[in-house]
Amino acid sequence: MRALIATLLLVLALPVHAEGAKSLPKDLQPIPEPPAAPAGMELDPAFEPQVTIIKRGEEKVEEYRIGGKLYMLKVTPPHGVSYYLVDHKGDGQFSRQDNLDSGVRVPQWVLIRF
């Protein structure tokens, strides 16, 4: 019975496959290269994030900098969960975050209670 179903599906799929093969154009051209960026829009390498990984024994610290300024640390202790130290205001005061979510929470209202 399974062989019969598989054969019927194959027979029904062959005309669809043949139609798709006929519809391809014969004179395909390669896609041209994208144009260059306008003047003044080049990326400055100083604004690329730089990551420095420091290992102290079994602890690993990743320092994230932009333009030479330290803005975030990721600390991975040998035992436990990683945490982040983030400078939100740029004043050198770091606050601890256990994860880097955006802080946006989805509303969860109770609609019906049984």
PDB file of N, CA and C in Angstrom:
ATOM      1  N   MET A   1       0.819  -1.196   0.000  1.00  0.00           N
ATOM      2  CA  MET A   1       0.000   0.000   0.000  1.00  0.00           C
ATOM      3  C   MET A   1       0.864   1.262   0.000  1.00  0.00           C
ATOM      4  N   ARG A   2       1.952   1.261   0.822  1.00  0.00           N
ATOM      5  CA  ARG A   2       2.842   2.418   0.872  1.00  0.00           C
ATOM      6  C   ARG A   2       3.537   2.623  -0.465  1.00  0.00           C
ATOM      7  N   ALA A   3       3.910   1.542  -1.115  1.00  0.00           N
ATOM      8  CA  ALA A   3       4.577   1.657  -2.409  1.00  0.00           C
ATOM      9  C   ALA A   3       3.635   2.281  -3.435  1.00  0.00           C
ATOM     10  N   LEU A   4       2.356   1.947  -3.361  1.00  0.00           N
ATOM     11  CA  LEU A   4       1.382   2.500  -4.297  1.00  0.00           C
ATOM     12  C   LEU A   4       1.218   4.009  -4.069  1.00  0.00           C
ATOM     13  N   ILE A   5       1.148   4.427  -2.817  1.00  0.00           N
ATOM     14  CA  ILE A   5       1.016   5.848  -2.500  1.00  0.00           C
ATOM     15  C   ILE A   5       2.261   6.607  -2.949  1.00  0.00           C
ATOM     16  N   ALA A   6       3.451   6.046  -2.702  1.00  0.00           N
ATOM     17  CA  ALA A   6       4.688   6.692  -3.111  1.00  0.00           C
ATOM     18  C   ALA A   6       4.755   6.816  -4.631  1.00  0.00           C
ATOM     19  N   THR A   7       4.312   5.790  -5.354  1.00  0.00           N
ATOM     20  CA  THR A   7       4.324   5.833  -6.817  1.00  0.00           C
ATOM     21  C   THR A   7       3.362   6.898  -7.328  1.00  0.00           C
ATOM     22  N   LEU A   8       2.167   6.988  -6.729  1.00  0.00           N
ATOM     23  CA  LEU A   8       1.203   8.001  -7.154  1.00  0.00           C
ATOM     24  C   LEU A   8       1.729   9.417  -6.907  1.00  0.00           C
ATOM     25  N   LEU A   9       2.361   9.626  -5.762  1.00  0.00           N
ATOM     26  CA  LEU A   9       2.931  10.938  -5.478  1.00  0.00           C
ATOM     27  C   LEU A   9       4.046  11.287  -6.459  1.00  0.00           C
ATOM     28  N   LEU A  10       4.862  10.310  -6.810  1.00  0.00           N
ATOM     29  CA  LEU A  10       5.932  10.534  -7.770  1.00  0.00           C
ATOM     30  C   LEU A  10       5.364  10.881  -9.141  1.00  0.00           C
ATOM     31  N   VAL A  11       4.323  10.163  -9.561  1.00  0.00           N
ATOM     32  CA  VAL A  11       3.704  10.420 -10.864  1.00  0.00           C
ATOM     33  C   VAL A  11       3.073  11.816 -10.896  1.00  0.00           C
ATOM     34  N   LEU A  12       2.464  12.238  -9.777  1.00  0.00           N
ATOM     35  CA  LEU A  12       1.861  13.561  -9.724  1.00  0.00           C
ATOM     36  C   LEU A  12       2.912  14.675  -9.663  1.00  0.00           C
ATOM     37  N   ALA A  13       4.084  14.403  -9.100  1.00  0.00           N
ATOM     38  CA  ALA A  13       5.117  15.419  -8.957  1.00  0.00           C
ATOM     39  C   ALA A  13       5.934  15.616 -10.222  1.00  0.00           C
ATOM     40  N   LEU A  14       6.003  14.633 -11.095  1.00  0.00           N
ATOM     41  CA  LEU A  14       6.816  14.746 -12.306  1.00  0.00           C
ATOM     42  C   LEU A  14       6.370  15.880 -13.224  1.00  0.00           C
ATOM     43  N   PRO A  15       5.084  16.073 -13.518  1.00  0.00           N
ATOM     44  CA  PRO A  15       4.714  17.197 -14.387  1.00  0.00           C
ATOM     45  C   PRO A  15       5.048  18.564 -13.771  1.00  0.00           C
ATOM     46  N   VAL A  16       4.934  18.679 -12.459  1.00  0.00           N
ATOM     47  CA  VAL A  16       5.264  19.939 -11.797  1.00  0.00           C
ATOM     48  C   VAL A  16       6.758  20.214 -11.940  1.00  0.00           C
ATOM     49  N   HIS A  17       7.569  19.195 -11.773  1.00  0.00           N
ATOM     50  CA  HIS A  17       9.018  19.347 -11.911  1.00  0.00           C
ATOM     51  C   HIS A  17       9.389  19.693 -13.350  1.00  0.00           C
ATOM     52  N   ALA A  18       8.759  19.040 -14.300  1.00  0.00           N
ATOM     53  CA  ALA A  18       9.053  19.309 -15.703  1.00  0.00           C
ATOM     54  C   ALA A  18       8.639  20.731 -16.080  1.00  0.00           C
ATOM     55  N   GLU A  19       7.529  21.215 -15.558  1.00  0.00           N
ATOM     56  CA  GLU A  19       7.079  22.577 -15.858  1.00  0.00           C
ATOM     57  C   GLU A  19       8.050  23.608 -15.286  1.00  0.00           C
ATOM     58  N   GLY A  20       8.556  23.346 -14.086  1.00  0.00           N
ATOM     59  CA  GLY A  20       9.520  24.263 -13.478  1.00  0.00           C
ATOM     60  C   GLY A  20      10.815  24.309 -14.264  1.00  0.00           C
ATOM     61  N   ALA A  21      11.264  23.194 -14.823  1.00  0.00           N
ATOM     62  CA  ALA A  21      12.496  23.154 -15.602  1.00  0.00           C
ATOM     63  C   ALA A  21      12.328  23.914 -16.916  1.00  0.00           C
ATOM     64  N   LYS A  22      11.126  23.903 -17.509  1.00  0.00           N
ATOM     65  CA  LYS A  22      10.899  24.598 -18.768  1.00  0.00           C
ATOM     66  C   LYS A  22      10.872  26.108 -18.593  1.00  0.00           C
ATOM     67  N   SER A  23      10.470  26.585 -17.426  1.00  0.00           N
ATOM     68  CA  SER A  23      10.272  28.011 -17.239  1.00  0.00           C
ATOM     69  C   SER A  23      11.566  28.778 -16.954  1.00  0.00           C
ATOM     70  N   LEU A  24      12.711  28.103 -16.811  1.00  0.00           N
ATOM     71  CA  LEU A  24      13.962  28.798 -16.566  1.00  0.00           C
ATOM     72  C   LEU A  24      14.441  29.477 -17.839  1.00  0.00           C
ATOM     73  N   PRO A  25      14.856  30.748 -17.764  1.00  0.00           N
ATOM     74  CA  PRO A  25      15.352  31.420 -18.960  1.00  0.00           C
ATOM     75  C   PRO A  25      16.717  30.876 -19.366  1.00  0.00           C
ATOM     76  N   LYS A  26      16.990  30.919 -20.664  1.00  0.00           N
ATOM     77  CA  LYS A  26      18.243  30.369 -21.185  1.00  0.00           C
ATOM     78  C   LYS A  26      19.384  31.385 -21.134  1.00  0.00           C
ATOM     79  N   ASP A  27      19.086  32.668 -21.112  1.00  0.00           N
ATOM     80  CA  ASP A  27      20.120  33.699 -21.181  1.00  0.00           C
ATOM     81  C   ASP A  27      20.316  34.390 -19.820  1.00  0.00           C
ATOM     82  N   LEU A  28      20.718  33.634 -18.815  1.00  0.00           N
ATOM     83  CA  LEU A  28      20.950  34.193 -17.481  1.00  0.00           C
ATOM     84  C   LEU A  28      22.236  35.005 -17.476  1.00  0.00           C
ATOM     85  N   GLN A  29      22.206  36.159 -16.812  1.00  0.00           N
ATOM     86  CA  GLN A  29      23.368  37.033 -16.700  1.00  0.00           C
ATOM     87  C   GLN A  29      23.798  37.085 -15.235  1.00  0.00           C
ATOM     88  N   PRO A  30      25.115  37.246 -14.961  1.00  0.00           N
ATOM     89  CA  PRO A  30      25.538  37.375 -13.558  1.00  0.00           C
ATOM     90  C   PRO A  30      25.061  38.695 -12.963  1.00  0.00           C
ATOM     91  N   ILE A  31      24.872  38.695 -11.670  1.00  0.00           N
ATOM     92  CA  ILE A  31      24.421  39.892 -10.967  1.00  0.00           C
ATOM     93  C   ILE A  31      25.582  40.875 -10.896  1.00  0.00           C
ATOM     94  N   PRO A  32      25.359  42.151 -11.237  1.00  0.00           N
ATOM     95  CA  PRO A  32      26.466  43.117 -11.191  1.00  0.00           C
ATOM     96  C   PRO A  32      26.882  43.410  -9.752  1.00  0.00           C
ATOM     97  N   GLU A  33      28.116  43.897  -9.591  1.00  0.00           N
ATOM     98  CA  GLU A  33      28.634  44.255  -8.268  1.00  0.00           C
ATOM     99  C   GLU A  33      27.871  45.464  -7.737  1.00  0.00           C
ATOM    100  N   PRO A  34      27.662  45.567  -6.428  1.00  0.00           N
ATOM    101  CA  PRO A  34      26.968  46.741  -5.885  1.00  0.00           C
ATOM    102  C   PRO A  34      27.830  47.985  -6.043  1.00  0.00           C
ATOM    103  N   PRO A  35      27.206  49.146  -6.134  1.00  0.00           N
ATOM    104  CA  PRO A  35      27.987  50.384  -6.289  1.00  0.00           C
ATOM    105  C   PRO A  35      28.771  50.696  -5.017  1.00  0.00           C
ATOM    106  N   ALA A  36      29.809  51.486  -5.172  1.00  0.00           N
ATOM    107  CA  ALA A  36      30.636  51.883  -4.027  1.00  0.00           C
ATOM    108  C   ALA A  36      29.850  52.851  -3.141  1.00  0.00           C
ATOM    109  N   ALA A  37      30.234  52.905  -1.879  1.00  0.00           N
ATOM    110  CA  ALA A  37      29.567  53.803  -0.927  1.00  0.00           C
ATOM    111  C   ALA A  37      29.872  55.249  -1.299  1.00  0.00           C
ATOM    112  N   PRO A  38      28.925  56.159  -1.083  1.00  0.00           N
ATOM    113  CA  PRO A  38      29.173  57.568  -1.383  1.00  0.00           C
ATOM    114  C   PRO A  38      30.303  58.132  -0.523  1.00  0.00           C
ATOM    115  N   ALA A  39      30.889  59.210  -0.973  1.00  0.00           N
ATOM    116  CA  ALA A  39      31.987  59.836  -0.239  1.00  0.00           C
ATOM    117  C   ALA A  39      31.502  60.270   1.148  1.00  0.00           C
ATOM    118  N   GLY A  40      32.329  60.038   2.142  1.00  0.00           N
ATOM    119  CA  GLY A  40      31.981  60.398   3.510  1.00  0.00           C
ATOM    120  C   GLY A  40      31.197  59.333   4.247  1.00  0.00           C
ATOM    121  N   MET A  41      30.865  58.246   3.602  1.00  0.00           N
ATOM    122  CA  MET A  41      30.085  57.193   4.239  1.00  0.00           C
ATOM    123  C   MET A  41      30.948  55.983   4.607  1.00  0.00           C
ATOM    124  N   GLU A  42      32.255  56.091   4.443  1.00  0.00           N
ATOM    125  CA  GLU A  42      33.128  54.968   4.782  1.00  0.00           C
ATOM    126  C   GLU A  42      33.144  54.785   6.295  1.00  0.00           C
ATOM    127  N   LEU A  43      33.297  53.551   6.737  1.00  0.00           N
ATOM    128  CA  LEU A  43      33.326  53.257   8.169  1.00  0.00           C
ATOM    129  C   LEU A  43      34.699  53.579   8.737  1.00  0.00           C
ATOM    130  N   ASP A  44      34.710  54.254   9.845  1.00  0.00           N
ATOM    131  CA  ASP A  44      35.950  54.572  10.527  1.00  0.00           C
ATOM    132  C   ASP A  44      36.341  53.382  11.388  1.00  0.00           C
ATOM    133  N   PRO A  45      37.555  52.825  11.200  1.00  0.00           N
ATOM    134  CA  PRO A  45      37.941  51.663  12.006  1.00  0.00           C
ATOM    135  C   PRO A  45      38.010  51.961  13.496  1.00  0.00           C
ATOM    136  N   ALA A  46      38.098  53.229  13.881  1.00  0.00           N
ATOM    137  CA  ALA A  46      38.136  53.564  15.307  1.00  0.00           C
ATOM    138  C   ALA A  46      36.803  53.260  15.988  1.00  0.00           C
ATOM    139  N   PHE A  47      35.716  53.209  15.222  1.00  0.00           N
ATOM    140  CA  PHE A  47      34.402  52.941  15.802  1.00  0.00           C
ATOM    141  C   PHE A  47      34.018  51.469  15.729  1.00  0.00           C
ATOM    142  N   GLU A  48      34.902  50.635  15.238  1.00  0.00           N
ATOM    143  CA  GLU A  48      34.661  49.195  15.261  1.00  0.00           C
ATOM    144  C   GLU A  48      34.882  48.695  16.690  1.00  0.00           C
ATOM    145  N   PRO A  49      34.004  47.829  17.199  1.00  0.00           N
ATOM    146  CA  PRO A  49      34.223  47.311  18.559  1.00  0.00           C
ATOM    147  C   PRO A  49      35.473  46.429  18.607  1.00  0.00           C
ATOM    148  N   GLN A  50      36.221  46.582  19.681  1.00  0.00           N
ATOM    149  CA  GLN A  50      37.417  45.777  19.903  1.00  0.00           C
ATOM    150  C   GLN A  50      37.189  44.921  21.141  1.00  0.00           C
ATOM    151  N   VAL A  51      37.501  43.639  21.042  1.00  0.00           N
ATOM    152  CA  VAL A  51      37.309  42.718  22.158  1.00  0.00           C
ATOM    153  C   VAL A  51      38.676  42.180  22.563  1.00  0.00           C
ATOM    154  N   THR A  52      39.005  42.331  23.845  1.00  0.00           N
ATOM    155  CA  THR A  52      40.247  41.804  24.396  1.00  0.00           C
ATOM    156  C   THR A  52      39.879  40.736  25.415  1.00  0.00           C
ATOM    157  N   ILE A  53      40.444  39.540  25.250  1.00  0.00           N
ATOM    158  CA  ILE A  53      40.148  38.433  26.162  1.00  0.00           C
ATOM    159  C   ILE A  53      41.338  38.255  27.101  1.00  0.00           C
ATOM    160  N   ILE A  54      41.064  38.301  28.395  1.00  0.00           N
ATOM    161  CA  ILE A  54      42.095  38.152  29.422  1.00  0.00           C
ATOM    162  C   ILE A  54      41.741  36.922  30.254  1.00  0.00           C
ATOM    163  N   LYS A  55      42.700  36.003  30.397  1.00  0.00           N
ATOM    164  CA  LYS A  55      42.482  34.814  31.226  1.00  0.00           C
ATOM    165  C   LYS A  55      43.346  34.932  32.470  1.00  0.00           C
ATOM    166  N   ARG A  56      42.697  34.852  33.616  1.00  0.00           N
ATOM    167  CA  ARG A  56      43.374  34.872  34.911  1.00  0.00           C
ATOM    168  C   ARG A  56      43.076  33.553  35.598  1.00  0.00           C
ATOM    169  N   GLY A  57      43.991  32.614  35.495  1.00  0.00           N
ATOM    170  CA  GLY A  57      43.730  31.276  36.036  1.00  0.00           C
ATOM    171  C   GLY A  57      42.617  30.628  35.225  1.00  0.00           C
ATOM    172  N   GLU A  58      41.533  30.278  35.894  1.00  0.00           N
ATOM    173  CA  GLU A  58      40.387  29.688  35.202  1.00  0.00           C
ATOM    174  C   GLU A  58      39.329  30.723  34.860  1.00  0.00           C
ATOM    175  N   GLU A  59      39.483  31.951  35.362  1.00  0.00           N
ATOM    176  CA  GLU A  59      38.520  33.007  35.087  1.00  0.00           C
ATOM    177  C   GLU A  59      38.858  33.689  33.760  1.00  0.00           C
ATOM    178  N   LYS A  60      37.819  34.041  33.015  1.00  0.00           N
ATOM    179  CA  LYS A  60      38.012  34.715  31.735  1.00  0.00           C
ATOM    180  C   LYS A  60      37.252  36.037  31.755  1.00  0.00           C
ATOM    181  N   VAL A  61      37.923  37.115  31.344  1.00  0.00           N
ATOM    182  CA  VAL A  61      37.316  38.438  31.278  1.00  0.00           C
ATOM    183  C   VAL A  61      37.441  38.941  29.844  1.00  0.00           C
ATOM    184  N   GLU A  62      36.319  39.347  29.269  1.00  0.00           N
ATOM    185  CA  GLU A  62      36.313  39.907  27.921  1.00  0.00           C
ATOM    186  C   GLU A  62      36.023  41.398  28.042  1.00  0.00           C
ATOM    187  N   GLU A  63      36.928  42.238  27.518  1.00  0.00           N
ATOM    188  CA  GLU A  63      36.776  43.686  27.570  1.00  0.00           C
ATOM    189  C   GLU A  63      36.298  44.176  26.204  1.00  0.00           C
ATOM    190  N   TYR A  64      35.227  44.935  26.185  1.00  0.00           N
ATOM    191  CA  TYR A  64      34.664  45.484  24.946  1.00  0.00           C
ATOM    192  C   TYR A  64      34.928  46.982  24.927  1.00  0.00           C
ATOM    193  N   ARG A  65      35.563  47.468  23.852  1.00  0.00           N
ATOM    194  CA  ARG A  65      35.907  48.880  23.717  1.00  0.00           C
ATOM    195  C   ARG A  65      35.464  49.403  22.358  1.00  0.00           C
ATOM    196  N   ILE A  66      35.087  50.672  22.340  1.00  0.00           N
ATOM    197  CA  ILE A  66      34.827  51.382  21.084  1.00  0.00           C
ATOM    198  C   ILE A  66      35.593  52.688  21.157  1.00  0.00           C
ATOM    199  N   GLY A  67      36.423  52.925  20.153  1.00  0.00           N
ATOM    200  CA  GLY A  67      37.243  54.135  20.145  1.00  0.00           C
ATOM    201  C   GLY A  67      38.216  54.179  21.310  1.00  0.00           C
ATOM    202  N   GLY A  68      38.645  53.020  21.796  1.00  0.00           N
ATOM    203  CA  GLY A  68      39.572  52.947  22.915  1.00  0.00           C
ATOM    204  C   GLY A  68      38.920  53.085  24.275  1.00  0.00           C
ATOM    205  N   LYS A  69      37.608  53.329  24.331  1.00  0.00           N
ATOM    206  CA  LYS A  69      36.916  53.508  25.613  1.00  0.00           C
ATOM    207  C   LYS A  69      36.216  52.213  26.019  1.00  0.00           C
ATOM    208  N   LEU A  70      36.504  51.760  27.227  1.00  0.00           N
ATOM    209  CA  LEU A  70      35.904  50.543  27.761  1.00  0.00           C
ATOM    210  C   LEU A  70      34.448  50.802  28.126  1.00  0.00           C
ATOM    211  N   TYR A  71      33.535  49.994  27.553  1.00  0.00           N
ATOM    212  CA  TYR A  71      32.117  50.199  27.849  1.00  0.00           C
ATOM    213  C   TYR A  71      31.445  48.959  28.419  1.00  0.00           C
ATOM    214  N   MET A  72      32.087  47.784  28.330  1.00  0.00           N
ATOM    215  CA  MET A  72      31.449  46.584  28.864  1.00  0.00           C
ATOM    216  C   MET A  72      32.511  45.528  29.163  1.00  0.00           C
ATOM    217  N   LEU A  73      32.270  44.752  30.221  1.00  0.00           N
ATOM    218  CA  LEU A  73      33.084  43.606  30.575  1.00  0.00           C
ATOM    219  C   LEU A  73      32.187  42.389  30.696  1.00  0.00           C
ATOM    220  N   LYS A  74      32.646  41.268  30.193  1.00  0.00           N
ATOM    221  CA  LYS A  74      31.941  40.006  30.408  1.00  0.00           C
ATOM    222  C   LYS A  74      32.864  39.135  31.245  1.00  0.00           C
ATOM    223  N   VAL A  75      32.410  38.752  32.420  1.00  0.00           N
ATOM    224  CA  VAL A  75      33.206  37.958  33.344  1.00  0.00           C
ATOM    225  C   VAL A  75      32.648  36.548  33.362  1.00  0.00           C
ATOM    226  N   THR A  76      33.518  35.574  33.085  1.00  0.00           N
ATOM    227  CA  THR A  76      33.133  34.164  33.114  1.00  0.00           C
ATOM    228  C   THR A  76      33.942  33.483  34.213  1.00  0.00           C
ATOM    229  N   PRO A  77      33.329  33.250  35.392  1.00  0.00           N
ATOM    230  CA  PRO A  77      34.056  32.595  36.476  1.00  0.00           C
ATOM    231  C   PRO A  77      34.233  31.107  36.177  1.00  0.00           C
ATOM    232  N   PRO A  78      35.183  30.451  36.868  1.00  0.00           N
ATOM    233  CA  PRO A  78      35.400  29.029  36.604  1.00  0.00           C
ATOM    234  C   PRO A  78      34.186  28.171  36.954  1.00  0.00           C
ATOM    235  N   HIS A  79      33.450  28.580  37.977  1.00  0.00           N
ATOM    236  CA  HIS A  79      32.245  27.843  38.366  1.00  0.00           C
ATOM    237  C   HIS A  79      31.116  28.856  38.488  1.00  0.00           C
ATOM    238  N   GLY A  80      30.085  28.675  37.714  1.00  0.00           N
ATOM    239  CA  GLY A  80      28.965  29.606  37.784  1.00  0.00           C
ATOM    240  C   GLY A  80      28.618  30.157  36.419  1.00  0.00           C
ATOM    241  N   VAL A  81      27.741  31.148  36.447  1.00  0.00           N
ATOM    242  CA  VAL A  81      27.201  31.727  35.226  1.00  0.00           C
ATOM    243  C   VAL A  81      27.926  33.035  34.914  1.00  0.00           C
ATOM    244  N   SER A  82      28.115  33.317  33.655  1.00  0.00           N
ATOM    245  CA  SER A  82      28.742  34.575  33.238  1.00  0.00           C
ATOM    246  C   SER A  82      27.858  35.760  33.610  1.00  0.00           C
ATOM    247  N   TYR A  83      28.496  36.895  33.840  1.00  0.00           N
ATOM    248  CA  TYR A  83      27.754  38.127  34.089  1.00  0.00           C
ATOM    249  C   TYR A  83      28.476  39.273  33.386  1.00  0.00           C
ATOM    250  N   TYR A  84      27.778  40.383  33.225  1.00  0.00           N
ATOM    251  CA  TYR A  84      28.296  41.537  32.501  1.00  0.00           C
ATOM    252  C   TYR A  84      28.402  42.729  33.436  1.00  0.00           C
ATOM    253  N   LEU A  85      29.418  43.547  33.232  1.00  0.00           N
ATOM    254  CA  LEU A  85      29.555  44.840  33.892  1.00  0.00           C
ATOM    255  C   LEU A  85      29.461  45.881  32.781  1.00  0.00           C
ATOM    256  N   VAL A  86      28.430  46.737  32.829  1.00  0.00           N
ATOM    257  CA  VAL A  86      28.144  47.655  31.735  1.00  0.00           C
ATOM    258  C   VAL A  86      28.189  49.092  32.242  1.00  0.00           C
ATOM    259  N   ASP A  87      28.842  49.960  31.460  1.00  0.00           N
ATOM    260  CA  ASP A  87      28.888  51.398  31.735  1.00  0.00           C
ATOM    261  C   ASP A  87      27.795  52.047  30.893  1.00  0.00           C
ATOM    262  N   HIS A  88      26.610  52.254  31.472  1.00  0.00           N
ATOM    263  CA  HIS A  88      25.462  52.763  30.717  1.00  0.00           C
ATOM    264  C   HIS A  88      25.593  54.239  30.359  1.00  0.00           C
ATOM    265  N   LYS A  89      26.148  55.046  31.269  1.00  0.00           N
ATOM    266  CA  LYS A  89      26.197  56.490  31.057  1.00  0.00           C
ATOM    267  C   LYS A  89      27.519  56.971  30.476  1.00  0.00           C
ATOM    268  N   GLY A  90      28.534  56.118  30.439  1.00  0.00           N
ATOM    269  CA  GLY A  90      29.837  56.534  29.931  1.00  0.00           C
ATOM    270  C   GLY A  90      30.668  57.290  30.944  1.00  0.00           C
ATOM    271  N   ASP A  91      30.303  57.182  32.233  1.00  0.00           N
ATOM    272  CA  ASP A  91      31.022  57.914  33.269  1.00  0.00           C
ATOM    273  C   ASP A  91      32.004  57.038  34.050  1.00  0.00           C
ATOM    274  N   GLY A  92      32.204  55.807  33.618  1.00  0.00           N
ATOM    275  CA  GLY A  92      33.146  54.921  34.294  1.00  0.00           C
ATOM    276  C   GLY A  92      32.546  54.133  35.434  1.00  0.00           C
ATOM    277  N   GLN A  93      31.258  54.314  35.718  1.00  0.00           N
ATOM    278  CA  GLN A  93      30.581  53.561  36.771  1.00  0.00           C
ATOM    279  C   GLN A  93      29.918  52.343  36.135  1.00  0.00           C
ATOM    280  N   PHE A  94      30.388  51.171  36.486  1.00  0.00           N
ATOM    281  CA  PHE A  94      29.866  49.942  35.901  1.00  0.00           C
ATOM    282  C   PHE A  94      28.807  49.342  36.811  1.00  0.00           C
ATOM    283  N   SER A  95      27.757  48.822  36.199  1.00  0.00           N
ATOM    284  CA  SER A  95      26.723  48.124  36.962  1.00  0.00           C
ATOM    285  C   SER A  95      26.633  46.695  36.447  1.00  0.00           C
ATOM    286  N   ARG A  96      26.324  45.800  37.358  1.00  0.00           N
ATOM    287  CA  ARG A  96      26.284  44.383  37.012  1.00  0.00           C
ATOM    288  C   ARG A  96      24.946  44.029  36.385  1.00  0.00           C
ATOM    289  N   GLN A  97      25.011  43.217  35.320  1.00  0.00           N
ATOM    290  CA  GLN A  97      23.828  42.646  34.687  1.00  0.00           C
ATOM    291  C   GLN A  97      24.093  41.166  34.483  1.00  0.00           C
ATOM    292  N   ASP A  98      23.095  40.364  34.802  1.00  0.00           N
ATOM    293  CA  ASP A  98      23.280  38.927  34.618  1.00  0.00           C
ATOM    294  C   ASP A  98      23.045  38.497  33.181  1.00  0.00           C
ATOM    295  N   ASN A  99      22.308  39.283  32.424  1.00  0.00           N
ATOM    296  CA  ASN A  99      22.140  39.024  30.989  1.00  0.00           C
ATOM    297  C   ASN A  99      21.962  40.361  30.284  1.00  0.00           C
ATOM    298  N   LEU A 100      22.083  40.352  28.978  1.00  0.00           N
ATOM    299  CA  LEU A 100      22.026  41.606  28.224  1.00  0.00           C
ATOM    300  C   LEU A 100      20.709  41.750  27.485  1.00  0.00           C
ATOM    301  N   ASP A 101      19.598  41.502  28.143  1.00  0.00           N
ATOM    302  CA  ASP A 101      18.320  41.721  27.466  1.00  0.00           C
ATOM    303  C   ASP A 101      18.025  43.209  27.426  1.00  0.00           C
ATOM    304  N   SER A 102      17.111  43.601  26.569  1.00  0.00           N
ATOM    305  CA  SER A 102      16.823  45.023  26.371  1.00  0.00           C
ATOM    306  C   SER A 102      15.960  45.609  27.480  1.00  0.00           C
ATOM    307  N   GLY A 103      15.420  44.783  28.350  1.00  0.00           N
ATOM    308  CA  GLY A 103      14.565  45.274  29.415  1.00  0.00           C
ATOM    309  C   GLY A 103      13.106  45.357  29.004  1.00  0.00           C
ATOM    310  N   VAL A 104      12.800  45.074  27.744  1.00  0.00           N
ATOM    311  CA  VAL A 104      11.414  45.113  27.276  1.00  0.00           C
ATOM    312  C   VAL A 104      10.737  43.825  27.713  1.00  0.00           C
ATOM    313  N   ARG A 105       9.647  43.948  28.378  1.00  0.00           N
ATOM    314  CA  ARG A 105       8.908  42.786  28.851  1.00  0.00           C
ATOM    315  C   ARG A 105       7.579  42.689  28.112  1.00  0.00           C
ATOM    316  N   VAL A 106       7.208  41.499  27.749  1.00  0.00           N
ATOM    317  CA  VAL A 106       5.933  41.264  27.083  1.00  0.00           C
ATOM    318  C   VAL A 106       4.836  41.277  28.137  1.00  0.00           C
ATOM    319  N   PRO A 107       3.768  42.035  27.931  1.00  0.00           N
ATOM    320  CA  PRO A 107       2.673  42.042  28.909  1.00  0.00           C
ATOM    321  C   PRO A 107       2.051  40.649  29.035  1.00  0.00           C
ATOM    322  N   GLN A 108       1.794  40.252  30.264  1.00  0.00           N
ATOM    323  CA  GLN A 108       1.178  38.956  30.517  1.00  0.00           C
ATOM    324  C   GLN A 108      -0.007  39.164  31.446  1.00  0.00           C
ATOM    325  N   TRP A 109      -1.146  39.473  30.864  1.00  0.00           N
ATOM    326  CA  TRP A 109      -2.343  39.715  31.630  1.00  0.00           C
ATOM    327  C   TRP A 109      -3.155  38.446  31.765  1.00  0.00           C
ATOM    328  N   VAL A 110      -3.833  38.302  32.875  1.00  0.00           N
ATOM    329  CA  VAL A 110      -4.738  37.190  33.070  1.00  0.00           C
ATOM    330  C   VAL A 110      -6.077  37.579  32.439  1.00  0.00           C
ATOM    331  N   LEU A 111      -6.487  36.833  31.435  1.00  0.00           N
ATOM    332  CA  LEU A 111      -7.754  37.138  30.757  1.00  0.00           C
ATOM    333  C   LEU A 111      -8.907  36.369  31.364  1.00  0.00           C
ATOM    334  N   ILE A 112      -8.680  35.084  31.575  1.00  0.00           N
ATOM    335  CA  ILE A 112      -9.747  34.231  32.147  1.00  0.00           C
ATOM    336  C   ILE A 112      -9.097  33.331  33.183  1.00  0.00           C
ATOM    337  N   ARG A 113      -9.748  33.204  34.330  1.00  0.00           N
ATOM    338  CA  ARG A 113      -9.253  32.319  35.361  1.00  0.00           C
ATOM    339  C   ARG A 113     -10.337  31.287  35.632  1.00  0.00           C
ATOM    340  N   PHE A 114      -9.934  30.027  35.657  1.00  0.00           N
ATOM    341  CA  PHE A 114     -10.913  28.954  35.881  1.00  0.00           C
ATOM    342  C   PHE A 114     -10.834  28.451  37.294  1.00  0.00           C
TER     343      PHE A 114
END
